[in-house]
Amino acid sequence: MIILFSCAKEKQCEIIRDKQEVRGIYYFYFRANYYATPQANNINTAGLNSNYVSGKVSQAIYEDYDIGDEYCY
């Protein structure tokens, strides 16, 4: 007897709260980013908004979605 297991990753979906292009790199911003200390929120990297969890996407995906849309990955 052969038993096969499959580990399918569940998709995670988020509402796009904001989107931004920084130096040719495209970002979606999702839910609020909460850290226990204010220092952790101050990333100041390439103009990224540290107030939200963000994700880098391709230009094509960036252009296909609007603020308020649900994005699953």
PDB file of N, CA and C in Angstrom:
ATOM      1  N   MET A   1       0.842  -1.165   0.000  1.00  0.00           N
ATOM      2  CA  MET A   1       0.000   0.000   0.000  1.00  0.00           C
ATOM      3  C   MET A   1       0.898   1.243   0.000  1.00  0.00           C
ATOM      4  N   ILE A   2       0.570   2.183  -0.851  1.00  0.00           N
ATOM      5  CA  ILE A   2       1.288   3.462  -0.932  1.00  0.00           C
ATOM      6  C   ILE A   2       0.360   4.561  -0.442  1.00  0.00           C
ATOM      7  N   ILE A   3       0.860   5.354   0.496  1.00  0.00           N
ATOM      8  CA  ILE A   3       0.082   6.477   1.014  1.00  0.00           C
ATOM      9  C   ILE A   3       0.804   7.758   0.620  1.00  0.00           C
ATOM     10  N   LEU A   4       0.088   8.648  -0.023  1.00  0.00           N
ATOM     11  CA  LEU A   4       0.653   9.920  -0.448  1.00  0.00           C
ATOM     12  C   LEU A   4       0.080  11.052   0.400  1.00  0.00           C
ATOM     13  N   PHE A   5       0.958  11.916   0.818  1.00  0.00           N
ATOM     14  CA  PHE A   5       0.531  13.088   1.573  1.00  0.00           C
ATOM     15  C   PHE A   5       0.779  14.328   0.735  1.00  0.00           C
ATOM     16  N   SER A   6      -0.120  15.249   0.835  1.00  0.00           N
ATOM     17  CA  SER A   6       0.033  16.511   0.122  1.00  0.00           C
ATOM     18  C   SER A   6      -0.049  17.659   1.119  1.00  0.00           C
ATOM     19  N   CYS A   7       0.880  18.550   1.015  1.00  0.00           N
ATOM     20  CA  CYS A   7       0.882  19.717   1.897  1.00  0.00           C
ATOM     21  C   CYS A   7       0.551  20.952   1.061  1.00  0.00           C
ATOM     22  N   ALA A   8      -0.701  21.202   0.913  1.00  0.00           N
ATOM     23  CA  ALA A   8      -1.122  22.377   0.154  1.00  0.00           C
ATOM     24  C   ALA A   8      -1.144  23.575   1.088  1.00  0.00           C
ATOM     25  N   LYS A   9      -0.444  24.615   0.701  1.00  0.00           N
ATOM     26  CA  LYS A   9      -0.410  25.823   1.511  1.00  0.00           C
ATOM     27  C   LYS A   9      -1.726  26.575   1.341  1.00  0.00           C
ATOM     28  N   GLU A  10      -2.315  26.929   2.453  1.00  0.00           N
ATOM     29  CA  GLU A  10      -3.534  27.719   2.393  1.00  0.00           C
ATOM     30  C   GLU A  10      -3.187  29.137   1.971  1.00  0.00           C
ATOM     31  N   LYS A  11      -4.027  29.698   1.120  1.00  0.00           N
ATOM     32  CA  LYS A  11      -3.811  31.083   0.713  1.00  0.00           C
ATOM     33  C   LYS A  11      -4.160  32.019   1.856  1.00  0.00           C
ATOM     34  N   GLN A  12      -3.390  33.070   1.956  1.00  0.00           N
ATOM     35  CA  GLN A  12      -3.692  34.114   2.925  1.00  0.00           C
ATOM     36  C   GLN A  12      -4.170  35.318   2.128  1.00  0.00           C
ATOM     37  N   CYS A  13      -5.249  35.915   2.567  1.00  0.00           N
ATOM     38  CA  CYS A  13      -5.818  37.058   1.861  1.00  0.00           C
ATOM     39  C   CYS A  13      -5.805  38.288   2.767  1.00  0.00           C
ATOM     40  N   GLU A  14      -5.530  39.414   2.171  1.00  0.00           N
ATOM     41  CA  GLU A  14      -5.468  40.689   2.885  1.00  0.00           C
ATOM     42  C   GLU A  14      -6.174  41.755   2.061  1.00  0.00           C
ATOM     43  N   ILE A  15      -6.700  42.773   2.731  1.00  0.00           N
ATOM     44  CA  ILE A  15      -7.262  43.937   2.061  1.00  0.00           C
ATOM     45  C   ILE A  15      -6.132  44.940   1.844  1.00  0.00           C
ATOM     46  N   ILE A  16      -6.004  45.447   0.641  1.00  0.00           N
ATOM     47  CA  ILE A  16      -4.968  46.428   0.326  1.00  0.00           C
ATOM     48  C   ILE A  16      -5.384  47.771   0.913  1.00  0.00           C
ATOM     49  N   ARG A  17      -4.606  48.269   1.875  1.00  0.00           N
ATOM     50  CA  ARG A  17      -4.898  49.549   2.537  1.00  0.00           C
ATOM     51  C   ARG A  17      -4.246  50.711   1.808  1.00  0.00           C
ATOM     52  N   ASP A  18      -3.134  50.438   1.153  1.00  0.00           N
ATOM     53  CA  ASP A  18      -2.406  51.461   0.405  1.00  0.00           C
ATOM     54  C   ASP A  18      -1.479  50.743  -0.550  1.00  0.00           C
ATOM     55  N   LYS A  19      -0.989  51.441  -1.542  1.00  0.00           N
ATOM     56  CA  LYS A  19      -0.002  50.893  -2.464  1.00  0.00           C
ATOM     57  C   LYS A  19       0.959  51.996  -2.850  1.00  0.00           C
ATOM     58  N   GLN A  20       2.194  51.599  -3.138  1.00  0.00           N
ATOM     59  CA  GLN A  20       3.226  52.596  -3.383  1.00  0.00           C
ATOM     60  C   GLN A  20       4.313  52.008  -4.275  1.00  0.00           C
ATOM     61  N   GLU A  21       4.841  52.837  -5.154  1.00  0.00           N
ATOM     62  CA  GLU A  21       5.993  52.476  -5.980  1.00  0.00           C
ATOM     63  C   GLU A  21       7.178  53.276  -5.459  1.00  0.00           C
ATOM     64  N   VAL A  22       8.260  52.582  -5.117  1.00  0.00           N
ATOM     65  CA  VAL A  22       9.466  53.218  -4.600  1.00  0.00           C
ATOM     66  C   VAL A  22      10.640  52.753  -5.450  1.00  0.00           C
ATOM     67  N   ARG A  23      11.181  53.659  -6.236  1.00  0.00           N
ATOM     68  CA  ARG A  23      12.352  53.366  -7.070  1.00  0.00           C
ATOM     69  C   ARG A  23      12.165  52.131  -7.943  1.00  0.00           C
ATOM     70  N   GLY A  24      10.996  52.020  -8.549  1.00  0.00           N
ATOM     71  CA  GLY A  24      10.726  50.906  -9.451  1.00  0.00           C
ATOM     72  C   GLY A  24      10.337  49.607  -8.773  1.00  0.00           C
ATOM     73  N   ILE A  25      10.146  49.633  -7.462  1.00  0.00           N
ATOM     74  CA  ILE A  25       9.692  48.457  -6.722  1.00  0.00           C
ATOM     75  C   ILE A  25       8.281  48.755  -6.217  1.00  0.00           C
ATOM     76  N   TYR A  26       7.391  47.785  -6.369  1.00  0.00           N
ATOM     77  CA  TYR A  26       5.968  47.988  -6.104  1.00  0.00           C
ATOM     78  C   TYR A  26       5.559  47.270  -4.813  1.00  0.00           C
ATOM     79  N   TYR A  27       4.826  48.000  -3.960  1.00  0.00           N
ATOM     80  CA  TYR A  27       4.415  47.479  -2.654  1.00  0.00           C
ATOM     81  C   TYR A  27       2.915  47.631  -2.449  1.00  0.00           C
ATOM     82  N   PHE A  28       2.333  46.631  -1.773  1.00  0.00           N
ATOM     83  CA  PHE A  28       0.990  46.731  -1.229  1.00  0.00           C
ATOM     84  C   PHE A  28       1.150  46.832   0.281  1.00  0.00           C
ATOM     85  N   TYR A  29       0.295  47.624   0.911  1.00  0.00           N
ATOM     86  CA  TYR A  29       0.258  47.738   2.367  1.00  0.00           C
ATOM     87  C   TYR A  29      -1.047  47.144   2.858  1.00  0.00           C
ATOM     88  N   PHE A  30      -0.949  46.319   3.901  1.00  0.00           N
ATOM     89  CA  PHE A  30      -2.112  45.606   4.413  1.00  0.00           C
ATOM     90  C   PHE A  30      -2.495  46.112   5.796  1.00  0.00           C
ATOM     91  N   ARG A  31      -2.733  45.230   6.717  1.00  0.00           N
ATOM     92  CA  ARG A  31      -3.200  45.583   8.063  1.00  0.00           C
ATOM     93  C   ARG A  31      -2.152  46.394   8.814  1.00  0.00           C
ATOM     94  N   ALA A  32      -2.594  47.032   9.870  1.00  0.00           N
ATOM     95  CA  ALA A  32      -1.702  47.851  10.696  1.00  0.00           C
ATOM     96  C   ALA A  32      -0.588  46.988  11.281  1.00  0.00           C
ATOM     97  N   ASN A  33       0.564  47.574  11.393  1.00  0.00           N
ATOM     98  CA  ASN A  33       1.755  46.904  11.906  1.00  0.00           C
ATOM     99  C   ASN A  33       1.937  47.311  13.362  1.00  0.00           C
ATOM    100  N   TYR A  34       1.752  46.380  14.283  1.00  0.00           N
ATOM    101  CA  TYR A  34       1.848  46.699  15.710  1.00  0.00           C
ATOM    102  C   TYR A  34       3.062  46.033  16.321  1.00  0.00           C
ATOM    103  N   TYR A  35       3.930  46.834  16.884  1.00  0.00           N
ATOM    104  CA  TYR A  35       5.080  46.330  17.627  1.00  0.00           C
ATOM    105  C   TYR A  35       5.004  46.874  19.046  1.00  0.00           C
ATOM    106  N   ALA A  36       5.591  46.173  19.969  1.00  0.00           N
ATOM    107  CA  ALA A  36       5.550  46.581  21.379  1.00  0.00           C
ATOM    108  C   ALA A  36       6.345  47.854  21.632  1.00  0.00           C
ATOM    109  N   THR A  37       7.391  48.084  20.842  1.00  0.00           N
ATOM    110  CA  THR A  37       8.220  49.269  21.066  1.00  0.00           C
ATOM    111  C   THR A  37       8.209  50.161  19.832  1.00  0.00           C
ATOM    112  N   PRO A  38       8.241  51.474  20.012  1.00  0.00           N
ATOM    113  CA  PRO A  38       8.224  52.374  18.865  1.00  0.00           C
ATOM    114  C   PRO A  38       9.468  52.259  17.997  1.00  0.00           C
ATOM    115  N   GLN A  39      10.598  51.806  18.549  1.00  0.00           N
ATOM    116  CA  GLN A  39      11.809  51.670  17.751  1.00  0.00           C
ATOM    117  C   GLN A  39      11.621  50.636  16.633  1.00  0.00           C
ATOM    118  N   ALA A  40      10.871  49.595  16.886  1.00  0.00           N
ATOM    119  CA  ALA A  40      10.658  48.547  15.886  1.00  0.00           C
ATOM    120  C   ALA A  40       9.846  49.054  14.704  1.00  0.00           C
ATOM    121  N   ASN A  41       9.042  50.104  14.894  1.00  0.00           N
ATOM    122  CA  ASN A  41       8.238  50.653  13.812  1.00  0.00           C
ATOM    123  C   ASN A  41       9.025  51.611  12.932  1.00  0.00           C
ATOM    124  N   ASN A  42      10.188  52.004  13.321  1.00  0.00           N
ATOM    125  CA  ASN A  42      10.960  53.011  12.609  1.00  0.00           C
ATOM    126  C   ASN A  42      11.988  52.355  11.698  1.00  0.00           C
ATOM    127  N   ILE A  43      11.540  51.773  10.570  1.00  0.00           N
ATOM    128  CA  ILE A  43      12.477  51.084   9.687  1.00  0.00           C
ATOM    129  C   ILE A  43      13.103  52.028   8.673  1.00  0.00           C
ATOM    130  N   ASN A  44      12.386  53.054   8.234  1.00  0.00           N
ATOM    131  CA  ASN A  44      12.916  54.069   7.320  1.00  0.00           C
ATOM    132  C   ASN A  44      13.729  53.500   6.166  1.00  0.00           C
ATOM    133  N   THR A  45      13.295  52.434   5.559  1.00  0.00           N
ATOM    134  CA  THR A  45      14.007  51.809   4.458  1.00  0.00           C
ATOM    135  C   THR A  45      13.358  52.191   3.135  1.00  0.00           C
ATOM    136  N   ALA A  46      14.085  52.869   2.289  1.00  0.00           N
ATOM    137  CA  ALA A  46      13.637  53.189   0.926  1.00  0.00           C
ATOM    138  C   ALA A  46      12.276  53.854   0.895  1.00  0.00           C
ATOM    139  N   GLY A  47      11.912  54.605   1.932  1.00  0.00           N
ATOM    140  CA  GLY A  47      10.645  55.302   1.944  1.00  0.00           C
ATOM    141  C   GLY A  47       9.450  54.427   2.260  1.00  0.00           C
ATOM    142  N   LEU A  48       9.668  53.215   2.749  1.00  0.00           N
ATOM    143  CA  LEU A  48       8.558  52.323   3.069  1.00  0.00           C
ATOM    144  C   LEU A  48       7.784  52.832   4.267  1.00  0.00           C
ATOM    145  N   ASN A  49       6.482  52.614   4.258  1.00  0.00           N
ATOM    146  CA  ASN A  49       5.610  53.011   5.354  1.00  0.00           C
ATOM    147  C   ASN A  49       5.591  51.894   6.388  1.00  0.00           C
ATOM    148  N   SER A  50       6.231  52.103   7.534  1.00  0.00           N
ATOM    149  CA  SER A  50       6.327  51.062   8.553  1.00  0.00           C
ATOM    150  C   SER A  50       5.058  50.929   9.393  1.00  0.00           C
ATOM    151  N   ASN A  51       4.032  51.748   9.118  1.00  0.00           N
ATOM    152  CA  ASN A  51       2.785  51.651   9.877  1.00  0.00           C
ATOM    153  C   ASN A  51       1.933  50.457   9.446  1.00  0.00           C
ATOM    154  N   TYR A  52       2.242  49.853   8.302  1.00  0.00           N
ATOM    155  CA  TYR A  52       1.465  48.736   7.780  1.00  0.00           C
ATOM    156  C   TYR A  52       2.373  47.584   7.392  1.00  0.00           C
ATOM    157  N   VAL A  53       1.841  46.373   7.484  1.00  0.00           N
ATOM    158  CA  VAL A  53       2.527  45.216   6.948  1.00  0.00           C
ATOM    159  C   VAL A  53       2.524  45.383   5.438  1.00  0.00           C
ATOM    160  N   SER A  54       3.663  45.161   4.795  1.00  0.00           N
ATOM    161  CA  SER A  54       3.743  45.374   3.356  1.00  0.00           C
ATOM    162  C   SER A  54       4.222  44.127   2.636  1.00  0.00           C
ATOM    163  N   GLY A  55       4.001  44.114   1.335  1.00  0.00           N
ATOM    164  CA  GLY A  55       4.472  43.026   0.497  1.00  0.00           C
ATOM    165  C   GLY A  55       4.884  43.562  -0.853  1.00  0.00           C
ATOM    166  N   LYS A  56       6.011  43.081  -1.364  1.00  0.00           N
ATOM    167  CA  LYS A  56       6.512  43.494  -2.672  1.00  0.00           C
ATOM    168  C   LYS A  56       5.821  42.653  -3.744  1.00  0.00           C
ATOM    169  N   VAL A  57       5.363  43.318  -4.813  1.00  0.00           N
ATOM    170  CA  VAL A  57       4.678  42.631  -5.907  1.00  0.00           C
ATOM    171  C   VAL A  57       5.253  43.091  -7.240  1.00  0.00           C
ATOM    172  N   SER A  58       4.919  42.373  -8.300  1.00  0.00           N
ATOM    173  CA  SER A  58       5.361  42.765  -9.637  1.00  0.00           C
ATOM    174  C   SER A  58       4.559  43.972 -10.116  1.00  0.00           C
ATOM    175  N   GLN A  59       5.054  44.641 -11.121  1.00  0.00           N
ATOM    176  CA  GLN A  59       4.344  45.790 -11.677  1.00  0.00           C
ATOM    177  C   GLN A  59       2.987  45.371 -12.231  1.00  0.00           C
ATOM    178  N   ALA A  60       2.924  44.214 -12.880  1.00  0.00           N
ATOM    179  CA  ALA A  60       1.653  43.741 -13.448  1.00  0.00           C
ATOM    180  C   ALA A  60       0.604  43.529 -12.360  1.00  0.00           C
ATOM    181  N   ILE A  61       0.991  42.890 -11.262  1.00  0.00           N
ATOM    182  CA  ILE A  61       0.053  42.676 -10.151  1.00  0.00           C
ATOM    183  C   ILE A  61      -0.329  44.015  -9.526  1.00  0.00           C
ATOM    184  N   TYR A  62       0.638  44.895  -9.338  1.00  0.00           N
ATOM    185  CA  TYR A  62       0.397  46.226  -8.773  1.00  0.00           C
ATOM    186  C   TYR A  62      -0.673  46.965  -9.569  1.00  0.00           C
ATOM    187  N   GLU A  63      -0.579  46.883 -10.887  1.00  0.00           N
ATOM    188  CA  GLU A  63      -1.532  47.591 -11.753  1.00  0.00           C
ATOM    189  C   GLU A  63      -2.898  46.924 -11.813  1.00  0.00           C
ATOM    190  N   ASP A  64      -2.985  45.630 -11.477  1.00  0.00           N
ATOM    191  CA  ASP A  64      -4.253  44.895 -11.523  1.00  0.00           C
ATOM    192  C   ASP A  64      -5.130  45.118 -10.296  1.00  0.00           C
ATOM    193  N   TYR A  65      -4.572  45.644  -9.212  1.00  0.00           N
ATOM    194  CA  TYR A  65      -5.309  45.794  -7.964  1.00  0.00           C
ATOM    195  C   TYR A  65      -5.400  47.249  -7.547  1.00  0.00           C
ATOM    196  N   ASP A  66      -6.491  47.575  -6.868  1.00  0.00           N
ATOM    197  CA  ASP A  66      -6.713  48.918  -6.336  1.00  0.00           C
ATOM    198  C   ASP A  66      -6.774  48.858  -4.810  1.00  0.00           C
ATOM    199  N   ILE A  67      -6.619  50.013  -4.185  1.00  0.00           N
ATOM    200  CA  ILE A  67      -6.790  50.107  -2.737  1.00  0.00           C
ATOM    201  C   ILE A  67      -8.218  49.659  -2.401  1.00  0.00           C
ATOM    202  N   GLY A  68      -8.344  48.819  -1.389  1.00  0.00           N
ATOM    203  CA  GLY A  68      -9.637  48.269  -0.988  1.00  0.00           C
ATOM    204  C   GLY A  68      -9.899  46.893  -1.553  1.00  0.00           C
ATOM    205  N   ASP A  69      -9.124  46.463  -2.556  1.00  0.00           N
ATOM    206  CA  ASP A  69      -9.268  45.130  -3.128  1.00  0.00           C
ATOM    207  C   ASP A  69      -8.688  44.077  -2.178  1.00  0.00           C
ATOM    208  N   GLU A  70      -9.181  42.860  -2.282  1.00  0.00           N
ATOM    209  CA  GLU A  70      -8.613  41.751  -1.550  1.00  0.00           C
ATOM    210  C   GLU A  70      -7.523  41.120  -2.396  1.00  0.00           C
ATOM    211  N   TYR A  71      -6.356  40.902  -1.791  1.00  0.00           N
ATOM    212  CA  TYR A  71      -5.217  40.296  -2.478  1.00  0.00           C
ATOM    213  C   TYR A  71      -4.846  39.014  -1.747  1.00  0.00           C
ATOM    214  N   CYS A  72      -4.826  37.898  -2.481  1.00  0.00           N
ATOM    215  CA  CYS A  72      -4.480  36.605  -1.884  1.00  0.00           C
ATOM    216  C   CYS A  72      -3.146  36.120  -2.421  1.00  0.00           C
ATOM    217  N   TYR A  73      -2.370  35.534  -1.559  1.00  0.00           N
ATOM    218  CA  TYR A  73      -1.051  35.027  -1.924  1.00  0.00           C
ATOM    219  C   TYR A  73      -0.753  33.711  -1.259  1.00  0.00           C
TER     220      TYR A  73
END
